[in-house]
PDB file of all heavy atoms in Angstrom:
ATOM      1  N   TYR A   1       0.544   1.847   2.320  1.00  0.00           N
ATOM      2  CA  TYR A   1      -0.588   2.078   3.203  1.00  0.00           C
ATOM      3  C   TYR A   1      -1.491   0.848   3.305  1.00  0.00           C
ATOM      4  O   TYR A   1      -2.669   0.952   3.647  1.00  0.00           O
ATOM      5  CB  TYR A   1      -1.406   3.282   2.720  1.00  0.00           C
ATOM      6  CG  TYR A   1      -1.771   3.250   1.249  1.00  0.00           C
ATOM      7  CD1 TYR A   1      -2.901   2.588   0.800  1.00  0.00           C
ATOM      8  CD2 TYR A   1      -0.960   3.888   0.315  1.00  0.00           C
ATOM      9  CE1 TYR A   1      -3.233   2.547  -0.544  1.00  0.00           C
ATOM     10  CE2 TYR A   1      -1.276   3.871  -1.030  1.00  0.00           C
ATOM     11  CZ  TYR A   1      -2.413   3.197  -1.458  1.00  0.00           C
ATOM     12  OH  TYR A   1      -2.738   3.160  -2.789  1.00  0.00           O
ATOM     13  N   ALA A   2      -0.937  -0.319   3.021  1.00  0.00           N
ATOM     14  CA  ALA A   2      -1.712  -1.559   3.128  1.00  0.00           C
ATOM     15  C   ALA A   2      -2.135  -1.791   4.578  1.00  0.00           C
ATOM     16  O   ALA A   2      -1.527  -1.277   5.521  1.00  0.00           O
ATOM     17  CB  ALA A   2      -0.897  -2.732   2.621  1.00  0.00           C
ATOM     18  N   SER A   3      -3.158  -2.587   4.750  1.00  0.00           N
ATOM     19  CA  SER A   3      -3.653  -2.908   6.085  1.00  0.00           C
ATOM     20  C   SER A   3      -2.548  -3.479   6.968  1.00  0.00           C
ATOM     21  O   SER A   3      -1.745  -4.299   6.534  1.00  0.00           O
ATOM     22  CB  SER A   3      -4.787  -3.933   5.978  1.00  0.00           C
ATOM     23  OG  SER A   3      -5.158  -4.400   7.254  1.00  0.00           O
ATOM     24  N   ARG A   4      -2.524  -3.033   8.213  1.00  0.00           N
ATOM     25  CA  ARG A   4      -1.563  -3.549   9.184  1.00  0.00           C
ATOM     26  C   ARG A   4      -2.184  -4.610  10.083  1.00  0.00           C
ATOM     27  O   ARG A   4      -1.523  -5.141  10.968  1.00  0.00           O
ATOM     28  CB  ARG A   4      -1.027  -2.407  10.048  1.00  0.00           C
ATOM     29  CG  ARG A   4      -0.284  -1.337   9.252  1.00  0.00           C
ATOM     30  CD  ARG A   4       0.200  -0.216  10.155  1.00  0.00           C
ATOM     31  NE  ARG A   4       0.854   0.845   9.383  1.00  0.00           N
ATOM     32  CZ  ARG A   4       1.332   1.957   9.923  1.00  0.00           C
ATOM     33  NH1 ARG A   4       1.228   2.152  11.223  1.00  0.00           N
ATOM     34  NH2 ARG A   4       1.908   2.863   9.156  1.00  0.00           N
ATOM     35  N   VAL A   5      -3.464  -4.906   9.842  1.00  0.00           N
ATOM     36  CA  VAL A   5      -4.169  -5.896  10.648  1.00  0.00           C
ATOM     37  C   VAL A   5      -4.246  -7.206   9.872  1.00  0.00           C
ATOM     38  O   VAL A   5      -4.840  -7.240   8.793  1.00  0.00           O
ATOM     39  CB  VAL A   5      -5.589  -5.414  11.007  1.00  0.00           C
ATOM     40  CG1 VAL A   5      -6.295  -6.438  11.872  1.00  0.00           C
ATOM     41  CG2 VAL A   5      -5.534  -4.055  11.692  1.00  0.00           C
ATOM     42  N   PRO A   6      -3.640  -8.256  10.360  1.00  0.00           N
ATOM     43  CA  PRO A   6      -3.650  -9.526   9.618  1.00  0.00           C
ATOM     44  C   PRO A   6      -5.083  -9.995   9.331  1.00  0.00           C
ATOM     45  O   PRO A   6      -5.949  -9.981  10.212  1.00  0.00           O
ATOM     46  CB  PRO A   6      -2.936 -10.494  10.576  1.00  0.00           C
ATOM     47  CG  PRO A   6      -2.076  -9.618  11.424  1.00  0.00           C
ATOM     48  CD  PRO A   6      -2.866  -8.347  11.606  1.00  0.00           C
ATOM     49  N   GLY A   7      -5.311 -10.397   8.085  1.00  0.00           N
ATOM     50  CA  GLY A   7      -6.613 -10.938   7.725  1.00  0.00           C
ATOM     51  C   GLY A   7      -7.724  -9.924   7.605  1.00  0.00           C
ATOM     52  O   GLY A   7      -8.909 -10.289   7.556  1.00  0.00           O
ATOM     53  N   ARG A   8      -7.388  -8.626   7.541  1.00  0.00           N
ATOM     54  CA  ARG A   8      -8.404  -7.571   7.395  1.00  0.00           C
ATOM     55  C   ARG A   8      -7.887  -6.521   6.423  1.00  0.00           C
ATOM     56  O   ARG A   8      -6.716  -6.137   6.494  1.00  0.00           O
ATOM     57  CB  ARG A   8      -8.709  -6.894   8.742  1.00  0.00           C
ATOM     58  CG  ARG A   8      -9.306  -7.824   9.794  1.00  0.00           C
ATOM     59  CD  ARG A   8     -10.747  -8.153   9.468  1.00  0.00           C
ATOM     60  NE  ARG A   8     -11.386  -8.905  10.540  1.00  0.00           N
ATOM     61  CZ  ARG A   8     -11.370 -10.229  10.641  1.00  0.00           C
ATOM     62  NH1 ARG A   8     -10.716 -10.942   9.723  1.00  0.00           N
ATOM     63  NH2 ARG A   8     -11.981 -10.844  11.620  1.00  0.00           N
ATOM     64  N   MET A   9      -8.778  -6.051   5.530  1.00  0.00           N
ATOM     65  CA  MET A   9      -8.351  -4.997   4.613  1.00  0.00           C
ATOM     66  C   MET A   9      -9.554  -4.207   4.106  1.00  0.00           C
ATOM     67  O   MET A   9     -10.691  -4.670   4.158  1.00  0.00           O
ATOM     68  CB  MET A   9      -7.570  -5.578   3.426  1.00  0.00           C
ATOM     69  CG  MET A   9      -8.414  -6.344   2.421  1.00  0.00           C
ATOM     70  SD  MET A   9      -7.556  -6.779   0.872  1.00  0.00           S
ATOM     71  CE  MET A   9      -7.487  -5.195   0.027  1.00  0.00           C
ATOM     72  N   HIS A  10      -9.270  -3.006   3.578  1.00  0.00           N
ATOM     73  CA  HIS A  10     -10.278  -2.212   2.876  1.00  0.00           C
ATOM     74  C   HIS A  10     -10.372  -2.776   1.457  1.00  0.00           C
ATOM     75  O   HIS A  10      -9.693  -2.313   0.551  1.00  0.00           O
ATOM     76  CB  HIS A  10      -9.866  -0.737   2.826  1.00  0.00           C
ATOM     77  CG  HIS A  10     -10.058   0.003   4.101  1.00  0.00           C
ATOM     78  ND1 HIS A  10     -11.298   0.150   4.685  1.00  0.00           N
ATOM     79  CD2 HIS A  10      -9.183   0.636   4.908  1.00  0.00           C
ATOM     80  CE1 HIS A  10     -11.170   0.854   5.801  1.00  0.00           C
ATOM     81  NE2 HIS A  10      -9.897   1.160   5.964  1.00  0.00           N
ATOM     82  N   ALA A  11     -11.215  -3.769   1.273  1.00  0.00           N
ATOM     83  CA  ALA A  11     -11.280  -4.469  -0.010  1.00  0.00           C
ATOM     84  C   ALA A  11     -12.489  -4.065  -0.846  1.00  0.00           C
ATOM     85  O   ALA A  11     -12.784  -4.708  -1.845  1.00  0.00           O
ATOM     86  CB  ALA A  11     -11.304  -5.980   0.223  1.00  0.00           C
ATOM     87  N   CYS A  12     -13.180  -3.003  -0.444  1.00  0.00           N
ATOM     88  CA  CYS A  12     -14.359  -2.592  -1.206  1.00  0.00           C
ATOM     89  C   CYS A  12     -14.392  -1.093  -1.482  1.00  0.00           C
ATOM     90  O   CYS A  12     -15.305  -0.610  -2.137  1.00  0.00           O
ATOM     91  CB  CYS A  12     -15.638  -3.013  -0.470  1.00  0.00           C
ATOM     92  SG  CYS A  12     -17.066  -3.227  -1.541  1.00  0.00           S
ATOM     93  N   GLY A  13     -13.425  -0.349  -0.962  1.00  0.00           N
ATOM     94  CA  GLY A  13     -13.312   1.060  -1.309  1.00  0.00           C
ATOM     95  C   GLY A  13     -14.120   2.021  -0.482  1.00  0.00           C
ATOM     96  O   GLY A  13     -14.220   3.200  -0.824  1.00  0.00           O
ATOM     97  N   HIS A  14     -14.674   1.550   0.628  1.00  0.00           N
ATOM     98  CA  HIS A  14     -15.474   2.469   1.437  1.00  0.00           C
ATOM     99  C   HIS A  14     -14.614   3.555   2.072  1.00  0.00           C
ATOM    100  O   HIS A  14     -15.111   4.623   2.423  1.00  0.00           O
ATOM    101  CB  HIS A  14     -16.236   1.697   2.525  1.00  0.00           C
ATOM    102  CG  HIS A  14     -17.168   0.662   1.983  1.00  0.00           C
ATOM    103  ND1 HIS A  14     -17.915  -0.162   2.782  1.00  0.00           N
ATOM    104  CD2 HIS A  14     -17.488   0.325   0.718  1.00  0.00           C
ATOM    105  CE1 HIS A  14     -18.637  -0.968   2.040  1.00  0.00           C
ATOM    106  NE2 HIS A  14     -18.388  -0.703   0.775  1.00  0.00           N
ATOM    107  N   ASP A  15     -13.315   3.280   2.215  1.00  0.00           N
ATOM    108  CA  ASP A  15     -12.412   4.330   2.683  1.00  0.00           C
ATOM    109  C   ASP A  15     -12.333   5.451   1.659  1.00  0.00           C
ATOM    110  O   ASP A  15     -12.292   6.637   2.006  1.00  0.00           O
ATOM    111  CB  ASP A  15     -11.020   3.758   2.987  1.00  0.00           C
ATOM    112  CG  ASP A  15     -10.468   2.897   1.850  1.00  0.00           C
ATOM    113  OD1 ASP A  15     -11.253   2.429   1.005  1.00  0.00           O
ATOM    114  OD2 ASP A  15      -9.247   2.673   1.822  1.00  0.00           O
ATOM    115  N   GLY A  16     -12.345   5.092   0.374  1.00  0.00           N
ATOM    116  CA  GLY A  16     -12.376   6.098  -0.685  1.00  0.00           C
ATOM    117  C   GLY A  16     -13.691   6.847  -0.739  1.00  0.00           C
ATOM    118  O   GLY A  16     -13.725   8.067  -0.976  1.00  0.00           O
ATOM    119  N   HIS A  17     -14.790   6.127  -0.510  1.00  0.00           N
ATOM    120  CA  HIS A  17     -16.098   6.786  -0.474  1.00  0.00           C
ATOM    121  C   HIS A  17     -16.133   7.822   0.649  1.00  0.00           C
ATOM    122  O   HIS A  17     -16.684   8.921   0.497  1.00  0.00           O
ATOM    123  CB  HIS A  17     -17.211   5.757  -0.235  1.00  0.00           C
ATOM    124  CG  HIS A  17     -17.250   4.663  -1.258  1.00  0.00           C
ATOM    125  ND1 HIS A  17     -17.846   3.448  -1.009  1.00  0.00           N
ATOM    126  CD2 HIS A  17     -16.765   4.594  -2.521  1.00  0.00           C
ATOM    127  CE1 HIS A  17     -17.742   2.680  -2.084  1.00  0.00           C
ATOM    128  NE2 HIS A  17     -17.084   3.346  -3.008  1.00  0.00           N
ATOM    129  N   THR A  18     -15.555   7.452   1.785  1.00  0.00           N
ATOM    130  CA  THR A  18     -15.501   8.365   2.925  1.00  0.00           C
ATOM    131  C   THR A  18     -14.708   9.619   2.566  1.00  0.00           C
ATOM    132  O   THR A  18     -15.105  10.742   2.900  1.00  0.00           O
ATOM    133  CB  THR A  18     -14.873   7.656   4.137  1.00  0.00           C
ATOM    134  OG1 THR A  18     -15.665   6.521   4.484  1.00  0.00           O
ATOM    135  CG2 THR A  18     -14.785   8.587   5.334  1.00  0.00           C
ATOM    136  N   ALA A  19     -13.583   9.435   1.862  1.00  0.00           N
ATOM    137  CA  ALA A  19     -12.765  10.579   1.452  1.00  0.00           C
ATOM    138  C   ALA A  19     -13.552  11.506   0.526  1.00  0.00           C
ATOM    139  O   ALA A  19     -13.460  12.738   0.629  1.00  0.00           O
ATOM    140  CB  ALA A  19     -11.494  10.088   0.764  1.00  0.00           C
ATOM    141  N   MET A  20     -14.334  10.922  -0.392  1.00  0.00           N
ATOM    142  CA  MET A  20     -15.158  11.737  -1.293  1.00  0.00           C
ATOM    143  C   MET A  20     -16.143  12.597  -0.511  1.00  0.00           C
ATOM    144  O   MET A  20     -16.289  13.800  -0.771  1.00  0.00           O
ATOM    145  CB  MET A  20     -15.942  10.832  -2.247  1.00  0.00           C
ATOM    146  CG  MET A  20     -15.124  10.119  -3.300  1.00  0.00           C
ATOM    147  SD  MET A  20     -16.212   9.012  -4.237  1.00  0.00           S
ATOM    148  CE  MET A  20     -15.063   8.367  -5.446  1.00  0.00           C
ATOM    149  N   LEU A  21     -16.822  11.978   0.436  1.00  0.00           N
ATOM    150  CA  LEU A  21     -17.853  12.707   1.170  1.00  0.00           C
ATOM    151  C   LEU A  21     -17.235  13.752   2.101  1.00  0.00           C
ATOM    152  O   LEU A  21     -17.793  14.839   2.278  1.00  0.00           O
ATOM    153  CB  LEU A  21     -18.735  11.731   1.952  1.00  0.00           C
ATOM    154  CG  LEU A  21     -20.111  12.238   2.381  1.00  0.00           C
ATOM    155  CD1 LEU A  21     -20.894  12.772   1.193  1.00  0.00           C
ATOM    156  CD2 LEU A  21     -20.904  11.129   3.063  1.00  0.00           C
ATOM    157  N   LEU A  22     -16.074  13.438   2.668  1.00  0.00           N
ATOM    158  CA  LEU A  22     -15.373  14.437   3.487  1.00  0.00           C
ATOM    159  C   LEU A  22     -14.940  15.619   2.631  1.00  0.00           C
ATOM    160  O   LEU A  22     -15.025  16.777   3.056  1.00  0.00           O
ATOM    161  CB  LEU A  22     -14.162  13.801   4.164  1.00  0.00           C
ATOM    162  CG  LEU A  22     -14.452  12.872   5.345  1.00  0.00           C
ATOM    163  CD1 LEU A  22     -13.191  12.123   5.752  1.00  0.00           C
ATOM    164  CD2 LEU A  22     -15.005  13.666   6.524  1.00  0.00           C
ATOM    165  N   GLY A  23     -14.484  15.346   1.407  1.00  0.00           N
ATOM    166  CA  GLY A  23     -14.106  16.422   0.499  1.00  0.00           C
ATOM    167  C   GLY A  23     -15.296  17.295   0.150  1.00  0.00           C
ATOM    168  O   GLY A  23     -15.197  18.532   0.110  1.00  0.00           O
ATOM    169  N   ALA A  24     -16.450  16.646  -0.087  1.00  0.00           N
ATOM    170  CA  ALA A  24     -17.671  17.410  -0.378  1.00  0.00           C
ATOM    171  C   ALA A  24     -18.094  18.231   0.826  1.00  0.00           C
ATOM    172  O   ALA A  24     -18.544  19.381   0.689  1.00  0.00           O
ATOM    173  CB  ALA A  24     -18.785  16.467  -0.806  1.00  0.00           C
ATOM    174  N   ALA A  25     -17.964  17.660   2.011  1.00  0.00           N
ATOM    175  CA  ALA A  25     -18.324  18.383   3.230  1.00  0.00           C
ATOM    176  C   ALA A  25     -17.487  19.652   3.361  1.00  0.00           C
ATOM    177  O   ALA A  25     -18.006  20.734   3.678  1.00  0.00           O
ATOM    178  CB  ALA A  25     -18.126  17.485   4.450  1.00  0.00           C
ATOM    179  N   LYS A  26     -16.188  19.525   3.101  1.00  0.00           N
ATOM    180  CA  LYS A  26     -15.296  20.681   3.181  1.00  0.00           C
ATOM    181  C   LYS A  26     -15.688  21.735   2.146  1.00  0.00           C
ATOM    182  O   LYS A  26     -15.788  22.931   2.455  1.00  0.00           O
ATOM    183  CB  LYS A  26     -13.853  20.238   2.970  1.00  0.00           C
ATOM    184  CG  LYS A  26     -12.813  21.340   3.140  1.00  0.00           C
ATOM    185  CD  LYS A  26     -11.403  20.753   3.030  1.00  0.00           C
ATOM    186  CE  LYS A  26     -10.344  21.805   3.371  1.00  0.00           C
ATOM    187  NZ  LYS A  26     -10.305  22.907   2.386  1.00  0.00           N
ATOM    188  N   GLY A  27     -15.928  21.276   0.917  1.00  0.00           N
ATOM    189  CA  GLY A  27     -16.289  22.212  -0.139  1.00  0.00           C
ATOM    190  C   GLY A  27     -17.613  22.910   0.109  1.00  0.00           C
ATOM    191  O   GLY A  27     -17.738  24.129  -0.067  1.00  0.00           O
ATOM    192  N   LEU A  28     -18.620  22.170   0.534  1.00  0.00           N
ATOM    193  CA  LEU A  28     -19.933  22.758   0.795  1.00  0.00           C
ATOM    194  C   LEU A  28     -19.880  23.743   1.964  1.00  0.00           C
ATOM    195  O   LEU A  28     -20.547  24.780   1.947  1.00  0.00           O
ATOM    196  CB  LEU A  28     -20.954  21.654   1.080  1.00  0.00           C
ATOM    197  CG  LEU A  28     -21.341  20.782  -0.119  1.00  0.00           C
ATOM    198  CD1 LEU A  28     -22.123  19.552   0.339  1.00  0.00           C
ATOM    199  CD2 LEU A  28     -22.154  21.579  -1.142  1.00  0.00           C
ATOM    200  N   ALA A  29     -19.074  23.404   2.974  1.00  0.00           N
ATOM    201  CA  ALA A  29     -18.951  24.298   4.126  1.00  0.00           C
ATOM    202  C   ALA A  29     -18.269  25.608   3.733  1.00  0.00           C
ATOM    203  O   ALA A  29     -18.567  26.672   4.288  1.00  0.00           O
ATOM    204  CB  ALA A  29     -18.167  23.602   5.238  1.00  0.00           C
ATOM    205  N   GLU A  30     -17.373  25.539   2.767  1.00  0.00           N
ATOM    206  CA  GLU A  30     -16.649  26.741   2.339  1.00  0.00           C
ATOM    207  C   GLU A  30     -17.470  27.607   1.381  1.00  0.00           C
ATOM    208  O   GLU A  30     -17.448  28.837   1.473  1.00  0.00           O
ATOM    209  CB  GLU A  30     -15.337  26.344   1.666  1.00  0.00           C
ATOM    210  CG  GLU A  30     -14.301  25.759   2.634  1.00  0.00           C
ATOM    211  CD  GLU A  30     -13.085  25.223   1.918  1.00  0.00           C
ATOM    212  OE1 GLU A  30     -13.130  25.099   0.664  1.00  0.00           O
ATOM    213  OE2 GLU A  30     -12.085  24.907   2.593  1.00  0.00           O
ATOM    214  N   THR A  31     -18.203  26.979   0.476  1.00  0.00           N
ATOM    215  CA  THR A  31     -18.913  27.743  -0.552  1.00  0.00           C
ATOM    216  C   THR A  31     -20.325  28.142  -0.142  1.00  0.00           C
ATOM    217  O   THR A  31     -20.816  29.201  -0.523  1.00  0.00           O
ATOM    218  CB  THR A  31     -18.978  26.936  -1.855  1.00  0.00           C
ATOM    219  OG1 THR A  31     -19.695  25.706  -1.623  1.00  0.00           O
ATOM    220  CG2 THR A  31     -17.572  26.621  -2.361  1.00  0.00           C
ATOM    221  N   ARG A  32     -21.002  27.253   0.598  1.00  0.00           N
ATOM    222  CA  ARG A  32     -22.384  27.515   1.048  1.00  0.00           C
ATOM    223  C   ARG A  32     -23.302  27.894  -0.116  1.00  0.00           C
ATOM    224  O   ARG A  32     -24.239  28.675   0.058  1.00  0.00           O
ATOM    225  CB  ARG A  32     -22.405  28.634   2.099  1.00  0.00           C
ATOM    226  CG  ARG A  32     -21.588  28.332   3.344  1.00  0.00           C
ATOM    227  CD  ARG A  32     -22.327  27.388   4.261  1.00  0.00           C
ATOM    228  NE  ARG A  32     -21.536  27.039   5.443  1.00  0.00           N
ATOM    229  CZ  ARG A  32     -21.999  26.307   6.463  1.00  0.00           C
ATOM    230  NH1 ARG A  32     -23.234  25.875   6.457  1.00  0.00           N
ATOM    231  NH2 ARG A  32     -21.212  26.028   7.473  1.00  0.00           N
ATOM    232  N   ASN A  33     -23.084  27.301  -1.276  1.00  0.00           N
ATOM    233  CA  ASN A  33     -23.856  27.655  -2.457  1.00  0.00           C
ATOM    234  C   ASN A  33     -25.104  26.772  -2.584  1.00  0.00           C
ATOM    235  O   ASN A  33     -25.364  26.168  -3.626  1.00  0.00           O
ATOM    236  CB  ASN A  33     -22.982  27.533  -3.710  1.00  0.00           C
ATOM    237  CG  ASN A  33     -23.671  28.069  -4.943  1.00  0.00           C
ATOM    238  OD1 ASN A  33     -24.491  28.986  -4.846  1.00  0.00           O
ATOM    239  ND2 ASN A  33     -23.352  27.492  -6.091  1.00  0.00           N
TER     240      ASN A  33
END
């Protein structure tokens, strides 16, 4: 899943941060606690 764009990459993990927040969004929407 490495970058397909020459000279560009996710080199700081913000894609992972996005996944965390999306996971929290899903969980909060389901539990509403």
